[in-house]
C-alpha cells in the first residue's frame, strides 16, 4: 500500500498546523472577529450549531463568539493527520478536546466535548493556505456542552 499521499512537505505541514492552532487561539482568546480571514471566500464551517457558509457568515459567527467575554474556553488540538488531495489541496483530521466554562468564577477543567475536525485546506493565489471547509463531528459530548 502506497503512503505517498501522507508525505507532506515539512514547511507546508507547519503552515497547516499553525492555521489549525490559530483558529482555536482566536476562539479561546476572544479574537475571533477575524476568523473569516482564515477561510476562502466560499468557505464552510459546519457540523456543530448552524452551518456557516461563506466568509461573511463565518466572520459574523466570529464576531458573535468574540463578544462572549464570560466564556473561558480552550480547544486542545491533537492527532493531526494530513493527507494530500491534489497539488494545492490537503485534507486533515484533527481531534479537538474542548474545555469550557461560562461565568465569572474559575470553574472546572473538565472537558465538555471531544470532536473530530474534518478540514480541507487550499493553497490560494496569494500564497497562503486557508480553510475551504471545517466540518466538526462530535464524538463525545457532556450535558454542559449541550446547554
Foldseek 3Di string as FASTA:
>chain_A
DDPVQQDDDPVVVVQVVVLVVVLQVCLQQLNQLVVLVQEDQQAWEEAPPDIQGGSVSSNVVSNVSSPLVQKHKGWDKDDWGWGDDDPFKIWIKIKIFMAMDGHDDPDDRDTFFIWIWTWMWGQDPVRHIHTRYTHIHTPDGHPVRVD
